[in-house]
PDB file of N, CA and C in Angstrom:
ATOM      1  N   MET A   1       0.833  -1.168   0.000  1.00  0.00           N
ATOM      2  CA  MET A   1       0.000   0.000   0.000  1.00  0.00           C
ATOM      3  C   MET A   1       0.885   1.241   0.000  1.00  0.00           C
ATOM      4  N   SER A   2       0.417   2.239  -0.641  1.00  0.00           N
ATOM      5  CA  SER A   2       1.219   3.445  -0.755  1.00  0.00           C
ATOM      6  C   SER A   2       1.134   4.321   0.483  1.00  0.00           C
ATOM      7  N   ASP A   3       0.140   4.136   1.332  1.00  0.00           N
ATOM      8  CA  ASP A   3      -0.045   4.968   2.511  1.00  0.00           C
ATOM      9  C   ASP A   3       0.339   4.156   3.744  1.00  0.00           C
ATOM     10  N   SER A   4       1.366   4.600   4.477  1.00  0.00           N
ATOM     11  CA  SER A   4       1.851   3.840   5.614  1.00  0.00           C
ATOM     12  C   SER A   4       1.026   4.061   6.876  1.00  0.00           C
ATOM     13  N   SER A   5       0.113   5.037   6.883  1.00  0.00           N
ATOM     14  CA  SER A   5      -0.668   5.324   8.085  1.00  0.00           C
ATOM     15  C   SER A   5      -1.846   4.372   8.275  1.00  0.00           C
ATOM     16  N   GLY A   6      -2.128   3.534   7.318  1.00  0.00           N
ATOM     17  CA  GLY A   6      -3.253   2.625   7.439  1.00  0.00           C
ATOM     18  C   GLY A   6      -4.500   3.133   6.752  1.00  0.00           C
ATOM     19  N   ASN A   7      -4.574   4.424   6.474  1.00  0.00           N
ATOM     20  CA  ASN A   7      -5.750   4.979   5.810  1.00  0.00           C
ATOM     21  C   ASN A   7      -5.907   4.421   4.403  1.00  0.00           C
ATOM     22  N   GLY A   8      -4.792   4.189   3.721  1.00  0.00           N
ATOM     23  CA  GLY A   8      -4.842   3.618   2.379  1.00  0.00           C
ATOM     24  C   GLY A   8      -5.394   2.211   2.397  1.00  0.00           C
ATOM     25  N   LYS A   9      -4.971   1.453   3.409  1.00  0.00           N
ATOM     26  CA  LYS A   9      -5.451   0.080   3.555  1.00  0.00           C
ATOM     27  C   LYS A   9      -6.947   0.071   3.847  1.00  0.00           C
ATOM     28  N   ASP A  10      -7.376   0.942   4.732  1.00  0.00           N
ATOM     29  CA  ASP A  10      -8.800   1.022   5.067  1.00  0.00           C
ATOM     30  C   ASP A  10      -9.634   1.447   3.860  1.00  0.00           C
ATOM     31  N   ALA A  11      -9.140   2.425   3.111  1.00  0.00           N
ATOM     32  CA  ALA A  11      -9.854   2.892   1.918  1.00  0.00           C
ATOM     33  C   ALA A  11      -9.941   1.788   0.869  1.00  0.00           C
ATOM     34  N   TYR A  12      -8.849   1.036   0.711  1.00  0.00           N
ATOM     35  CA  TYR A  12      -8.831  -0.078  -0.243  1.00  0.00           C
ATOM     36  C   TYR A  12      -9.892  -1.119   0.117  1.00  0.00           C
ATOM     37  N   TRP A  13      -9.927  -1.530   1.386  1.00  0.00           N
ATOM     38  CA  TRP A  13     -10.877  -2.566   1.791  1.00  0.00           C
ATOM     39  C   TRP A  13     -12.303  -2.067   1.798  1.00  0.00           C
ATOM     40  N   LYS A  14     -12.498  -0.787   2.126  1.00  0.00           N
ATOM     41  CA  LYS A  14     -13.850  -0.231   2.067  1.00  0.00           C
ATOM     42  C   LYS A  14     -14.355  -0.240   0.624  1.00  0.00           C
ATOM     43  N   ALA A  15     -13.510   0.167  -0.328  1.00  0.00           N
ATOM     44  CA  ALA A  15     -13.897   0.152  -1.745  1.00  0.00           C
ATOM     45  C   ALA A  15     -14.127  -1.281  -2.222  1.00  0.00           C
ATOM     46  N   ASN A  16     -13.298  -2.206  -1.769  1.00  0.00           N
ATOM     47  CA  ASN A  16     -13.419  -3.617  -2.138  1.00  0.00           C
ATOM     48  C   ASN A  16     -14.744  -4.189  -1.629  1.00  0.00           C
ATOM     49  N   ILE A  17     -15.058  -3.969  -0.370  1.00  0.00           N
ATOM     50  CA  ILE A  17     -16.293  -4.480   0.213  1.00  0.00           C
ATOM     51  C   ILE A  17     -17.515  -3.825  -0.441  1.00  0.00           C
ATOM     52  N   THR A  18     -17.424  -2.533  -0.752  1.00  0.00           N
ATOM     53  CA  THR A  18     -18.523  -1.852  -1.433  1.00  0.00           C
ATOM     54  C   THR A  18     -18.778  -2.474  -2.798  1.00  0.00           C
ATOM     55  N   LEU A  19     -17.721  -2.744  -3.552  1.00  0.00           N
ATOM     56  CA  LEU A  19     -17.855  -3.373  -4.867  1.00  0.00           C
ATOM     57  C   LEU A  19     -18.491  -4.762  -4.746  1.00  0.00           C
ATOM     58  N   ILE A  20     -18.062  -5.523  -3.769  1.00  0.00           N
ATOM     59  CA  ILE A  20     -18.631  -6.856  -3.553  1.00  0.00           C
ATOM     60  C   ILE A  20     -20.104  -6.751  -3.170  1.00  0.00           C
ATOM     61  N   ALA A  21     -20.438  -5.820  -2.280  1.00  0.00           N
ATOM     62  CA  ALA A  21     -21.826  -5.666  -1.838  1.00  0.00           C
ATOM     63  C   ALA A  21     -22.736  -5.261  -2.997  1.00  0.00           C
ATOM     64  N   VAL A  22     -22.293  -4.324  -3.821  1.00  0.00           N
ATOM     65  CA  VAL A  22     -23.095  -3.897  -4.975  1.00  0.00           C
ATOM     66  C   VAL A  22     -23.281  -5.065  -5.942  1.00  0.00           C
ATOM     67  N   SER A  23     -22.220  -5.827  -6.177  1.00  0.00           N
ATOM     68  CA  SER A  23     -22.311  -6.988  -7.070  1.00  0.00           C
ATOM     69  C   SER A  23     -23.292  -8.021  -6.534  1.00  0.00           C
ATOM     70  N   LEU A  24     -23.261  -8.261  -5.232  1.00  0.00           N
ATOM     71  CA  LEU A  24     -24.180  -9.237  -4.639  1.00  0.00           C
ATOM     72  C   LEU A  24     -25.633  -8.766  -4.698  1.00  0.00           C
ATOM     73  N   VAL A  25     -25.856  -7.476  -4.521  1.00  0.00           N
ATOM     74  CA  VAL A  25     -27.224  -6.949  -4.623  1.00  0.00           C
ATOM     75  C   VAL A  25     -27.743  -7.126  -6.044  1.00  0.00           C
ATOM     76  N   ILE A  26     -26.918  -6.791  -7.037  1.00  0.00           N
ATOM     77  CA  ILE A  26     -27.325  -6.973  -8.438  1.00  0.00           C
ATOM     78  C   ILE A  26     -27.594  -8.452  -8.709  1.00  0.00           C
ATOM     79  N   TRP A  27     -26.716  -9.321  -8.245  1.00  0.00           N
ATOM     80  CA  TRP A  27     -26.889 -10.758  -8.427  1.00  0.00           C
ATOM     81  C   TRP A  27     -28.210 -11.230  -7.813  1.00  0.00           C
ATOM     82  N   PHE A  28     -28.516 -10.776  -6.604  1.00  0.00           N
ATOM     83  CA  PHE A  28     -29.742 -11.181  -5.927  1.00  0.00           C
ATOM     84  C   PHE A  28     -30.978 -10.679  -6.669  1.00  0.00           C
ATOM     85  N   VAL A  29     -30.971  -9.410  -7.057  1.00  0.00           N
ATOM     86  CA  VAL A  29     -32.129  -8.821  -7.737  1.00  0.00           C
ATOM     87  C   VAL A  29     -32.404  -9.549  -9.049  1.00  0.00           C
ATOM     88  N   VAL A  30     -31.347  -9.830  -9.807  1.00  0.00           N
ATOM     89  CA  VAL A  30     -31.530 -10.478 -11.102  1.00  0.00           C
ATOM     90  C   VAL A  30     -31.960 -11.934 -10.943  1.00  0.00           C
ATOM     91  N   SER A  31     -31.286 -12.677 -10.078  1.00  0.00           N
ATOM     92  CA  SER A  31     -31.597 -14.108  -9.978  1.00  0.00           C
ATOM     93  C   SER A  31     -32.875 -14.372  -9.198  1.00  0.00           C
ATOM     94  N   TYR A  32     -32.997 -13.814  -8.017  1.00  0.00           N
ATOM     95  CA  TYR A  32     -34.163 -14.096  -7.185  1.00  0.00           C
ATOM     96  C   TYR A  32     -35.326 -13.173  -7.518  1.00  0.00           C
ATOM     97  N   GLY A  33     -35.030 -11.889  -7.665  1.00  0.00           N
ATOM     98  CA  GLY A  33     -36.095 -10.921  -7.935  1.00  0.00           C
ATOM     99  C   GLY A  33     -36.727 -11.111  -9.299  1.00  0.00           C
ATOM    100  N   PHE A  34     -35.907 -11.040 -10.352  1.00  0.00           N
ATOM    101  CA  PHE A  34     -36.445 -11.153 -11.712  1.00  0.00           C
ATOM    102  C   PHE A  34     -36.819 -12.587 -12.064  1.00  0.00           C
ATOM    103  N   GLY A  35     -36.010 -13.529 -11.630  1.00  0.00           N
ATOM    104  CA  GLY A  35     -36.245 -14.923 -12.006  1.00  0.00           C
ATOM    105  C   GLY A  35     -37.355 -15.604 -11.243  1.00  0.00           C
ATOM    106  N   ILE A  36     -37.647 -15.141 -10.004  1.00  0.00           N
ATOM    107  CA  ILE A  36     -38.640 -15.822  -9.178  1.00  0.00           C
ATOM    108  C   ILE A  36     -39.772 -14.883  -8.747  1.00  0.00           C
ATOM    109  N   LEU A  37     -39.428 -13.833  -8.022  1.00  0.00           N
ATOM    110  CA  LEU A  37     -40.468 -12.974  -7.441  1.00  0.00           C
ATOM    111  C   LEU A  37     -41.267 -12.199  -8.481  1.00  0.00           C
ATOM    112  N   LEU A  38     -40.600 -11.644  -9.480  1.00  0.00           N
ATOM    113  CA  LEU A  38     -41.277 -10.822 -10.487  1.00  0.00           C
ATOM    114  C   LEU A  38     -41.550 -11.577 -11.783  1.00  0.00           C
ATOM    115  N   HIS A  39     -41.432 -12.886 -11.723  1.00  0.00           N
ATOM    116  CA  HIS A  39     -41.587 -13.728 -12.913  1.00  0.00           C
ATOM    117  C   HIS A  39     -42.918 -13.486 -13.624  1.00  0.00           C
ATOM    118  N   ASP A  40     -43.999 -13.488 -12.880  1.00  0.00           N
ATOM    119  CA  ASP A  40     -45.321 -13.322 -13.497  1.00  0.00           C
ATOM    120  C   ASP A  40     -45.495 -11.943 -14.128  1.00  0.00           C
ATOM    121  N   GLN A  41     -45.036 -10.899 -13.453  1.00  0.00           N
ATOM    122  CA  GLN A  41     -45.152  -9.551 -14.001  1.00  0.00           C
ATOM    123  C   GLN A  41     -44.280  -9.381 -15.243  1.00  0.00           C
ATOM    124  N   LEU A  42     -43.086  -9.950 -15.225  1.00  0.00           N
ATOM    125  CA  LEU A  42     -42.184  -9.836 -16.377  1.00  0.00           C
ATOM    126  C   LEU A  42     -42.670 -10.650 -17.569  1.00  0.00           C
ATOM    127  N   ASN A  43     -43.469 -11.677 -17.332  1.00  0.00           N
ATOM    128  CA  ASN A  43     -43.973 -12.490 -18.433  1.00  0.00           C
ATOM    129  C   ASN A  43     -44.935 -11.725 -19.332  1.00  0.00           C
ATOM    130  N   ALA A  44     -45.420 -10.579 -18.887  1.00  0.00           N
ATOM    131  CA  ALA A  44     -46.287  -9.742 -19.724  1.00  0.00           C
ATOM    132  C   ALA A  44     -45.489  -9.053 -20.833  1.00  0.00           C
ATOM    133  N   ILE A  45     -44.167  -9.076 -20.726  1.00  0.00           N
ATOM    134  CA  ILE A  45     -43.287  -8.435 -21.713  1.00  0.00           C
ATOM    135  C   ILE A  45     -42.619  -9.511 -22.556  1.00  0.00           C
ATOM    136  N   GLN A  46     -42.606  -9.321 -23.866  1.00  0.00           N
ATOM    137  CA  GLN A  46     -41.948 -10.269 -24.778  1.00  0.00           C
ATOM    138  C   GLN A  46     -40.526  -9.781 -25.080  1.00  0.00           C
ATOM    139  N   PHE A  47     -39.575 -10.705 -25.112  1.00  0.00           N
ATOM    140  CA  PHE A  47     -38.187 -10.380 -25.445  1.00  0.00           C
ATOM    141  C   PHE A  47     -37.645 -11.493 -26.331  1.00  0.00           C
ATOM    142  N   GLY A  48     -37.347 -11.176 -27.569  1.00  0.00           N
ATOM    143  CA  GLY A  48     -36.820 -12.178 -28.487  1.00  0.00           C
ATOM    144  C   GLY A  48     -37.765 -13.342 -28.713  1.00  0.00           C
ATOM    145  N   GLY A  49     -39.061 -13.087 -28.655  1.00  0.00           N
ATOM    146  CA  GLY A  49     -40.040 -14.146 -28.858  1.00  0.00           C
ATOM    147  C   GLY A  49     -40.368 -14.935 -27.608  1.00  0.00           C
ATOM    148  N   PHE A  50     -39.726 -14.613 -26.503  1.00  0.00           N
ATOM    149  CA  PHE A  50     -39.976 -15.311 -25.239  1.00  0.00           C
ATOM    150  C   PHE A  50     -40.510 -14.328 -24.211  1.00  0.00           C
ATOM    151  N   ARG A  51     -41.218 -14.846 -23.228  1.00  0.00           N
ATOM    152  CA  ARG A  51     -41.662 -14.013 -22.113  1.00  0.00           C
ATOM    153  C   ARG A  51     -40.442 -13.603 -21.293  1.00  0.00           C
ATOM    154  N   LEU A  52     -40.394 -12.348 -20.866  1.00  0.00           N
ATOM    155  CA  LEU A  52     -39.212 -11.812 -20.199  1.00  0.00           C
ATOM    156  C   LEU A  52     -38.914 -12.531 -18.882  1.00  0.00           C
ATOM    157  N   GLY A  53     -39.931 -12.908 -18.125  1.00  0.00           N
ATOM    158  CA  GLY A  53     -39.704 -13.648 -16.881  1.00  0.00           C
ATOM    159  C   GLY A  53     -39.022 -14.980 -17.141  1.00  0.00           C
ATOM    160  N   PHE A  54     -39.494 -15.701 -18.149  1.00  0.00           N
ATOM    161  CA  PHE A  54     -38.870 -16.963 -18.534  1.00  0.00           C
ATOM    162  C   PHE A  54     -37.444 -16.742 -19.001  1.00  0.00           C
ATOM    163  N   TRP A  55     -37.231 -15.683 -19.814  1.00  0.00           N
ATOM    164  CA  TRP A  55     -35.901 -15.394 -20.350  1.00  0.00           C
ATOM    165  C   TRP A  55     -34.912 -15.097 -19.224  1.00  0.00           C
ATOM    166  N   PHE A  56     -35.315 -14.287 -18.239  1.00  0.00           N
ATOM    167  CA  PHE A  56     -34.425 -13.997 -17.114  1.00  0.00           C
ATOM    168  C   PHE A  56     -34.109 -15.255 -16.327  1.00  0.00           C
ATOM    169  N   ALA A  57     -35.104 -16.082 -16.097  1.00  0.00           N
ATOM    170  CA  ALA A  57     -34.888 -17.289 -15.313  1.00  0.00           C
ATOM    171  C   ALA A  57     -33.972 -18.271 -16.040  1.00  0.00           C
ATOM    172  N   GLN A  58     -34.034 -18.311 -17.368  1.00  0.00           N
ATOM    173  CA  GLN A  58     -33.280 -19.307 -18.123  1.00  0.00           C
ATOM    174  C   GLN A  58     -31.944 -18.793 -18.659  1.00  0.00           C
ATOM    175  N   GLN A  59     -31.900 -17.565 -19.182  1.00  0.00           N
ATOM    176  CA  GLN A  59     -30.685 -17.090 -19.830  1.00  0.00           C
ATOM    177  C   GLN A  59     -30.233 -15.718 -19.362  1.00  0.00           C
ATOM    178  N   GLY A  60     -31.155 -14.830 -19.094  1.00  0.00           N
ATOM    179  CA  GLY A  60     -30.805 -13.458 -18.763  1.00  0.00           C
ATOM    180  C   GLY A  60     -29.922 -13.349 -17.541  1.00  0.00           C
ATOM    181  N   ALA A  61     -30.213 -14.145 -16.520  1.00  0.00           N
ATOM    182  CA  ALA A  61     -29.414 -14.109 -15.307  1.00  0.00           C
ATOM    183  C   ALA A  61     -27.975 -14.537 -15.594  1.00  0.00           C
ATOM    184  N   ILE A  62     -27.791 -15.504 -16.462  1.00  0.00           N
ATOM    185  CA  ILE A  62     -26.440 -15.961 -16.806  1.00  0.00           C
ATOM    186  C   ILE A  62     -25.664 -14.838 -17.491  1.00  0.00           C
ATOM    187  N   TYR A  63     -26.300 -14.121 -18.413  1.00  0.00           N
ATOM    188  CA  TYR A  63     -25.631 -12.997 -19.071  1.00  0.00           C
ATOM    189  C   TYR A  63     -25.259 -11.910 -18.077  1.00  0.00           C
ATOM    190  N   VAL A  64     -26.160 -11.623 -17.159  1.00  0.00           N
ATOM    191  CA  VAL A  64     -25.866 -10.612 -16.142  1.00  0.00           C
ATOM    192  C   VAL A  64     -24.713 -11.076 -15.260  1.00  0.00           C
ATOM    193  N   PHE A  65     -24.666 -12.342 -14.892  1.00  0.00           N
ATOM    194  CA  PHE A  65     -23.576 -12.864 -14.073  1.00  0.00           C
ATOM    195  C   PHE A  65     -22.239 -12.725 -14.798  1.00  0.00           C
ATOM    196  N   LEU A  66     -22.206 -13.030 -16.089  1.00  0.00           N
ATOM    197  CA  LEU A  66     -20.970 -12.891 -16.851  1.00  0.00           C
ATOM    198  C   LEU A  66     -20.510 -11.431 -16.911  1.00  0.00           C
ATOM    199  N   ILE A  67     -21.460 -10.531 -17.084  1.00  0.00           N
ATOM    200  CA  ILE A  67     -21.127  -9.106 -17.084  1.00  0.00           C
ATOM    201  C   ILE A  67     -20.620  -8.684 -15.710  1.00  0.00           C
ATOM    202  N   LEU A  68     -21.239  -9.175 -14.645  1.00  0.00           N
ATOM    203  CA  LEU A  68     -20.777  -8.874 -13.284  1.00  0.00           C
ATOM    204  C   LEU A  68     -19.347  -9.336 -13.051  1.00  0.00           C
ATOM    205  N   ILE A  69     -19.005 -10.512 -13.545  1.00  0.00           N
ATOM    206  CA  ILE A  69     -17.642 -11.023 -13.393  1.00  0.00           C
ATOM    207  C   ILE A  69     -16.655 -10.116 -14.103  1.00  0.00           C
ATOM    208  N   ALA A  70     -16.963  -9.720 -15.338  1.00  0.00           N
ATOM    209  CA  ALA A  70     -16.063  -8.852 -16.100  1.00  0.00           C
ATOM    210  C   ALA A  70     -15.915  -7.487 -15.440  1.00  0.00           C
ATOM    211  N   VAL A  71     -17.026  -6.905 -14.999  1.00  0.00           N
ATOM    212  CA  VAL A  71     -16.979  -5.596 -14.342  1.00  0.00           C
ATOM    213  C   VAL A  71     -16.200  -5.687 -13.042  1.00  0.00           C
ATOM    214  N   TYR A  72     -16.418  -6.742 -12.272  1.00  0.00           N
ATOM    215  CA  TYR A  72     -15.691  -6.917 -11.013  1.00  0.00           C
ATOM    216  C   TYR A  72     -14.185  -7.002 -11.265  1.00  0.00           C
ATOM    217  N   ALA A  73     -13.778  -7.793 -12.240  1.00  0.00           N
ATOM    218  CA  ALA A  73     -12.353  -7.944 -12.532  1.00  0.00           C
ATOM    219  C   ALA A  73     -11.742  -6.607 -12.967  1.00  0.00           C
ATOM    220  N   LEU A  74     -12.425  -5.876 -13.834  1.00  0.00           N
ATOM    221  CA  LEU A  74     -11.905  -4.588 -14.286  1.00  0.00           C
ATOM    222  C   LEU A  74     -11.829  -3.583 -13.142  1.00  0.00           C
ATOM    223  N   ARG A  75     -12.875  -3.518 -12.334  1.00  0.00           N
ATOM    224  CA  ARG A  75     -12.888  -2.570 -11.215  1.00  0.00           C
ATOM    225  C   ARG A  75     -11.837  -2.922 -10.165  1.00  0.00           C
ATOM    226  N   MET A  76     -11.648  -4.215  -9.890  1.00  0.00           N
ATOM    227  CA  MET A  76     -10.635  -4.611  -8.915  1.00  0.00           C
ATOM    228  C   MET A  76      -9.231  -4.323  -9.433  1.00  0.00           C
ATOM    229  N   ASN A  77      -8.991  -4.528 -10.712  1.00  0.00           N
ATOM    230  CA  ASN A  77      -7.685  -4.177 -11.278  1.00  0.00           C
ATOM    231  C   ASN A  77      -7.413  -2.684 -11.136  1.00  0.00           C
ATOM    232  N   ALA A  78      -8.417  -1.857 -11.418  1.00  0.00           N
ATOM    233  CA  ALA A  78      -8.268  -0.411 -11.268  1.00  0.00           C
ATOM    234  C   ALA A  78      -8.049  -0.038  -9.799  1.00  0.00           C
ATOM    235  N   LEU A  79      -8.787  -0.684  -8.901  1.00  0.00           N
ATOM    236  CA  LEU A  79      -8.633  -0.424  -7.473  1.00  0.00           C
ATOM    237  C   LEU A  79      -7.242  -0.837  -6.990  1.00  0.00           C
ATOM    238  N   ASP A  80      -6.758  -1.980  -7.445  1.00  0.00           N
ATOM    239  CA  ASP A  80      -5.417  -2.430  -7.086  1.00  0.00           C
ATOM    240  C   ASP A  80      -4.358  -1.435  -7.554  1.00  0.00           C
ATOM    241  N   ARG A  81      -4.491  -0.959  -8.803  1.00  0.00           N
ATOM    242  CA  ARG A  81      -3.525   0.023  -9.317  1.00  0.00           C
ATOM    243  C   ARG A  81      -3.578   1.316  -8.517  1.00  0.00           C
ATOM    244  N   LYS A  82      -4.772   1.762  -8.193  1.00  0.00           N
ATOM    245  CA  LYS A  82      -4.941   3.008  -7.441  1.00  0.00           C
ATOM    246  C   LYS A  82      -4.264   2.945  -6.082  1.00  0.00           C
ATOM    247  N   HIS A  83      -4.316   1.780  -5.439  1.00  0.00           N
ATOM    248  CA  HIS A  83      -3.757   1.636  -4.098  1.00  0.00           C
ATOM    249  C   HIS A  83      -2.371   0.987  -4.093  1.00  0.00           C
ATOM    250  N   GLY A  84      -1.811   0.784  -5.260  1.00  0.00           N
ATOM    251  CA  GLY A  84      -0.449   0.271  -5.349  1.00  0.00           C
ATOM    252  C   GLY A  84      -0.258  -1.176  -4.960  1.00  0.00           C
ATOM    253  N   VAL A  85      -1.278  -1.988  -5.160  1.00  0.00           N
ATOM    254  CA  VAL A  85      -1.157  -3.411  -4.840  1.00  0.00           C
ATOM    255  C   VAL A  85      -1.384  -4.288  -6.061  1.00  0.00           C
ATOM    256  N   ASP A  86      -1.230  -3.707  -7.246  1.00  0.00           N
ATOM    257  CA  ASP A  86      -1.430  -4.486  -8.466  1.00  0.00           C
ATOM    258  C   ASP A  86      -0.273  -5.462  -8.660  1.00  0.00           C
ATOM    259  N   GLU A  87      -0.482  -6.437  -9.512  1.00  0.00           N
ATOM    260  CA  GLU A  87       0.484  -7.510  -9.696  1.00  0.00           C
ATOM    261  C   GLU A  87       1.574  -7.187 -10.697  1.00  0.00           C
ATOM    262  N   GLN A  88       1.466  -6.101 -11.432  1.00  0.00           N
ATOM    263  CA  GLN A  88       2.493  -5.750 -12.405  1.00  0.00           C
ATOM    264  C   GLN A  88       3.647  -5.034 -11.756  1.00  0.00           C
TER     265      GLN A  88
END
């Protein structure tokens, strides 16, 4: 860490935990909320010839998860560089 007082370490972990928490909320909303709880309401909307609730439960959640993984990796790399703990 570039800051020897500990503030840099605290800021790094706070940003890390915030990123994880936001990712988990998105994951929960998409998988449980859209795929289960809002399934009937979303089925009133058509997407690619399929009902949107069905699409989220079968494929949409997987696409969102893949995007979450990519965003998490990019954001963590940027966070690591910012705090001087990157692997390069």
